[in-house]
Amino acid sequence: MTDPMIAVDNIHKSYLMGKEAVPALRGVSLDIQPGDFVCLMGPSGSGKTTLLNIIGGLDEPSRGHITVAGENLVALSENKLARLRLQKMGFIFQNYNLLANFTAQENVEAPMVLAKVGRKERQQRASALLERVGLGDRGHHYPGELSGGQQQRVAIARALANNPPILIGDEMTGDLDSETGFAIMRLVAELNSEGMTVVFVTHDPRMAEFARRLIHLQDGKILK
């Protein structure tokens, strides 16, 4: 049996609210296999976004262990963690997080600049990725000149820039109309069918149906 792409072992997370520690996750354990397509669902305050952020190395657990692509995230320095995120994970956020003063092409190239990919290669790869997401003719447009759905497609292309094995999505269709949201999820499902491991959070049960595995959280625990 292959090792999990993501292994979450007894993760606890609390946040300080004044002088009181408020638990967000209470002993969560979870294995995600390579090529899995996982949706985290639950009511507001259930811990789903906290869990997603810990999986993505954007937050750290109060206790417990998490291994991603064979690396123990808790043991990594901030520099090594940043390098792991750059090479192994692509992120898609609800509000796109595009650089307003960069064109679509430049936004897609940005992670490759950080990864020290040569100029010609990154330009070619960014152009191919924009073509892949249906925006081959929008490379020179700025985010403010694109619709919400087009901006999210740019964000997907950017997430794929360094060819990571893991795609992490946080309410990636939350700001989009239904038709555009379904189009985005079909694209993500296509990427998953090609072998990419996908983990995402959504509050929309229609979008959750694209996943092959649903994990429901409540009060910081996985519902059995």
Protein backbone atom coordinates (compact mmCIF):
# COMPACT_ATOMS: atom_id res chain seq x y z
CA MET A 1 0.00 0.00 0.00
CA THR A 2 1.32 3.45 -0.90
CA ASP A 3 2.06 5.99 1.81
CA PRO A 4 -0.59 8.70 2.27
CA MET A 5 0.04 11.98 0.46
CA ILE A 6 -1.26 13.70 3.60
CA ALA A 7 -1.32 12.13 7.08
CA VAL A 8 -3.00 14.03 9.92
CA ASP A 9 -2.37 12.44 13.31
CA ASN A 10 -4.29 13.57 16.42
CA ILE A 11 -4.21 17.26 15.54
CA HIS A 12 -5.38 19.74 18.16
CA LYS A 13 -5.58 23.49 17.60
CA SER A 14 -6.64 26.21 20.01
CA TYR A 15 -6.72 29.98 19.63
CA LEU A 16 -6.35 32.51 22.42
CA MET A 17 -9.39 34.75 22.82
CA GLY A 18 -8.26 37.17 25.49
CA LYS A 19 -6.93 34.90 28.22
CA GLU A 20 -9.05 31.91 27.24
CA ALA A 21 -7.94 29.13 24.88
CA VAL A 22 -10.75 28.28 22.46
CA PRO A 23 -10.40 24.86 20.76
CA ALA A 24 -10.84 24.76 16.96
CA LEU A 25 -9.69 21.16 16.39
CA ARG A 26 -9.96 18.36 18.93
CA GLY A 27 -7.90 15.29 18.03
CA VAL A 28 -8.42 15.07 14.27
CA SER A 29 -6.79 12.15 12.44
CA LEU A 30 -7.05 11.65 8.69
CA ASP A 31 -5.16 9.98 5.82
CA ILE A 32 -5.44 11.33 2.26
CA GLN A 33 -4.05 9.08 -0.46
CA PRO A 34 -2.28 10.23 -3.65
CA GLY A 35 -4.91 11.15 -6.25
CA ASP A 36 -7.69 11.52 -3.67
CA PHE A 37 -10.42 14.16 -4.15
CA VAL A 38 -11.52 15.24 -0.68
CA CYS A 39 -14.08 17.82 0.41
CA LEU A 40 -14.14 19.15 3.98
CA MET A 41 -17.59 20.30 5.05
CA GLY A 42 -19.20 21.53 8.22
CA PRO A 43 -20.99 24.47 9.79
CA SER A 44 -19.24 27.74 10.55
CA GLY A 45 -16.82 27.16 13.42
CA SER A 46 -16.57 23.41 12.79
CA GLY A 47 -12.80 23.59 12.20
CA LYS A 48 -12.77 22.82 8.46
CA THR A 49 -10.82 25.93 7.42
CA THR A 50 -8.42 25.52 10.33
CA LEU A 51 -7.76 21.93 9.23
CA LEU A 52 -7.26 23.02 5.61
CA ASN A 53 -4.80 25.73 6.70
CA ILE A 54 -2.83 23.22 8.78
CA ILE A 55 -2.72 20.77 5.85
CA GLY A 56 -1.44 23.62 3.66
CA GLY A 57 1.24 24.63 6.14
CA LEU A 58 -0.41 28.05 6.59
CA ASP A 59 -1.09 27.39 10.29
CA GLU A 60 0.50 25.05 12.80
CA PRO A 61 -1.20 22.67 15.22
CA SER A 62 -1.08 23.19 18.97
CA ARG A 63 -0.19 19.50 19.18
CA GLY A 64 -0.20 16.43 16.98
CA HIS A 65 1.65 15.64 13.76
CA ILE A 66 1.03 16.22 10.09
CA THR A 67 3.00 14.75 7.20
CA VAL A 68 2.63 16.07 3.65
CA ALA A 69 4.46 14.49 0.70
CA GLY A 70 6.68 12.65 3.17
CA GLU A 71 7.65 15.78 5.15
CA ASN A 72 6.78 16.34 8.81
CA LEU A 73 5.43 19.91 8.69
CA VAL A 74 5.76 20.45 12.43
CA ALA A 75 9.51 19.82 12.26
CA LEU A 76 10.24 22.08 9.26
CA SER A 77 11.82 25.53 9.55
CA GLU A 78 9.81 28.40 8.06
CA ASN A 79 12.12 28.50 5.02
CA LYS A 80 11.77 24.77 4.37
CA LEU A 81 8.02 24.98 4.88
CA ALA A 82 7.80 27.83 2.35
CA ARG A 83 9.83 25.76 -0.12
CA LEU A 84 7.54 22.75 0.39
CA ARG A 85 4.45 24.89 -0.25
CA LEU A 86 6.05 26.33 -3.38
CA GLN A 87 7.00 22.94 -4.82
CA LYS A 88 4.29 20.58 -3.58
CA MET A 89 1.10 22.63 -3.16
CA GLY A 90 -1.06 24.88 -5.26
CA PHE A 91 -3.51 27.16 -3.47
CA ILE A 92 -6.86 28.54 -4.69
CA PHE A 93 -8.67 31.04 -2.46
CA GLN A 94 -12.19 32.44 -2.45
CA ASN A 95 -11.01 35.98 -3.16
CA TYR A 96 -8.47 34.88 -5.83
CA ASN A 97 -5.49 36.67 -4.15
CA LEU A 98 -4.16 37.89 -7.50
CA LEU A 99 -1.60 40.70 -7.65
CA ALA A 100 -3.57 43.68 -8.95
CA ASN A 101 -0.59 45.35 -10.66
CA PHE A 102 0.45 42.15 -12.47
CA THR A 103 -1.11 40.92 -15.69
CA ALA A 104 -2.68 37.45 -15.79
CA GLN A 105 0.52 36.15 -17.41
CA GLU A 106 2.69 37.74 -14.71
CA ASN A 107 0.47 36.38 -11.92
CA VAL A 108 0.91 32.85 -13.27
CA GLU A 109 4.65 33.37 -13.65
CA ALA A 110 5.07 34.65 -10.07
CA PRO A 111 5.46 31.23 -8.34
CA MET A 112 7.94 30.19 -11.03
CA VAL A 113 10.03 33.31 -10.37
CA LEU A 114 10.21 32.23 -6.71
CA ALA A 115 11.17 28.72 -7.85
CA LYS A 116 13.92 30.25 -10.03
CA VAL A 117 12.52 28.91 -13.31
CA GLY A 118 14.22 30.53 -16.30
CA ARG A 119 12.41 33.41 -18.02
CA LYS A 120 11.72 31.70 -21.32
CA GLU A 121 10.46 28.49 -19.71
CA ARG A 122 8.17 30.28 -17.27
CA GLN A 123 6.71 32.45 -20.03
CA GLN A 124 5.99 29.40 -22.15
CA ARG A 125 4.57 27.45 -19.20
CA ALA A 126 2.37 30.36 -18.06
CA SER A 127 1.01 30.83 -21.59
CA ALA A 128 0.23 27.10 -21.84
CA LEU A 129 -1.52 27.12 -18.45
CA LEU A 130 -3.66 30.13 -19.36
CA GLU A 131 -4.60 28.31 -22.55
CA ARG A 132 -5.45 25.25 -20.47
CA VAL A 133 -7.90 27.23 -18.31
CA GLY A 134 -9.49 28.90 -21.33
CA LEU A 135 -7.77 32.28 -21.04
CA GLY A 136 -5.17 32.06 -23.78
CA ASP A 137 -6.25 35.46 -25.10
CA ARG A 138 -6.31 37.21 -21.69
CA GLY A 139 -2.65 37.00 -20.68
CA HIS A 140 -2.05 40.75 -20.95
CA HIS A 141 -5.17 41.72 -18.98
CA TYR A 142 -4.99 42.86 -15.37
CA PRO A 143 -7.23 41.26 -12.70
CA GLY A 144 -9.44 44.36 -12.62
CA GLU A 145 -10.20 43.81 -16.30
CA LEU A 146 -11.39 40.22 -15.75
CA SER A 147 -14.63 38.76 -14.41
CA GLY A 148 -14.66 36.82 -11.13
CA GLY A 149 -14.70 33.51 -12.98
CA GLN A 150 -11.79 34.58 -15.18
CA GLN A 151 -9.80 35.71 -12.14
CA GLN A 152 -10.39 32.32 -10.51
CA ARG A 153 -9.16 30.60 -13.68
CA VAL A 154 -5.99 32.70 -13.49
CA ALA A 155 -5.67 31.62 -9.85
CA ILE A 156 -5.96 27.97 -10.90
CA ALA A 157 -3.31 28.45 -13.58
CA ARG A 158 -1.06 30.08 -10.98
CA ALA A 159 -1.68 27.18 -8.57
CA LEU A 160 -0.46 24.78 -11.28
CA ALA A 161 2.62 26.84 -12.17
CA ASN A 162 5.19 24.63 -10.42
CA ASN A 163 3.34 21.39 -11.24
CA PRO A 164 2.54 20.53 -7.61
CA PRO A 165 1.04 17.15 -6.70
CA ILE A 166 -1.47 18.75 -4.27
CA LEU A 167 -4.20 21.32 -4.92
CA ILE A 168 -5.77 23.07 -1.91
CA GLY A 169 -8.96 25.08 -2.35
CA ASP A 170 -10.65 27.31 0.22
CA GLU A 171 -14.24 28.15 -0.85
CA MET A 172 -12.89 28.49 -4.39
CA THR A 173 -16.38 28.92 -5.88
CA GLY A 174 -17.81 30.95 -3.00
CA ASP A 175 -17.84 34.31 -4.84
CA LEU A 176 -19.00 32.92 -8.18
CA ASP A 177 -22.41 32.40 -9.71
CA SER A 178 -23.58 28.78 -9.98
CA GLU A 179 -22.75 28.28 -13.65
CA THR A 180 -19.22 29.67 -13.25
CA GLY A 181 -18.74 27.68 -10.04
CA PHE A 182 -19.66 24.44 -11.78
CA ALA A 183 -17.22 25.27 -14.61
CA ILE A 184 -14.42 25.82 -12.08
CA MET A 185 -15.21 22.54 -10.30
CA ARG A 186 -15.25 20.64 -13.62
CA LEU A 187 -11.78 21.98 -14.30
CA VAL A 188 -10.58 20.92 -10.83
CA ALA A 189 -12.15 17.47 -11.33
CA GLU A 190 -10.28 17.16 -14.62
CA LEU A 191 -7.00 17.94 -12.85
CA ASN A 192 -7.83 15.31 -10.23
CA SER A 193 -8.53 12.74 -12.96
CA GLU A 194 -4.97 13.35 -14.17
CA GLY A 195 -3.60 12.35 -10.77
CA MET A 196 -3.56 15.53 -8.71
CA THR A 197 -4.54 15.20 -5.03
CA VAL A 198 -7.28 17.73 -4.25
CA VAL A 199 -8.45 18.89 -0.82
CA PHE A 200 -11.01 21.66 -0.61
CA VAL A 201 -13.48 23.35 1.70
CA THR A 202 -16.94 24.38 0.55
CA HIS A 203 -20.26 25.25 2.16
CA ASP A 204 -22.10 24.42 -1.08
CA PRO A 205 -23.33 20.79 -1.24
CA ARG A 206 -23.62 21.02 -5.05
CA MET A 207 -19.89 21.72 -5.33
CA ALA A 208 -19.11 19.05 -2.74
CA GLU A 209 -20.65 16.44 -5.04
CA PHE A 210 -17.62 16.72 -7.31
CA ALA A 211 -15.45 15.16 -4.58
CA ARG A 212 -15.02 11.43 -4.27
CA ARG A 213 -14.77 11.64 -0.49
CA LEU A 214 -16.70 13.87 1.91
CA ILE A 215 -15.42 14.56 5.42
CA HIS A 216 -17.83 16.29 7.78
CA LEU A 217 -16.53 18.24 10.75
CA GLN A 218 -18.44 19.53 13.74
CA ASP A 219 -17.11 21.15 16.92
CA GLY A 220 -13.53 20.46 15.87
CA LYS A 221 -14.01 16.73 15.30
CA ILE A 222 -14.65 14.50 12.30
CA LEU A 223 -18.15 13.05 12.41
CA LYS A 224 -18.07 9.27 12.14
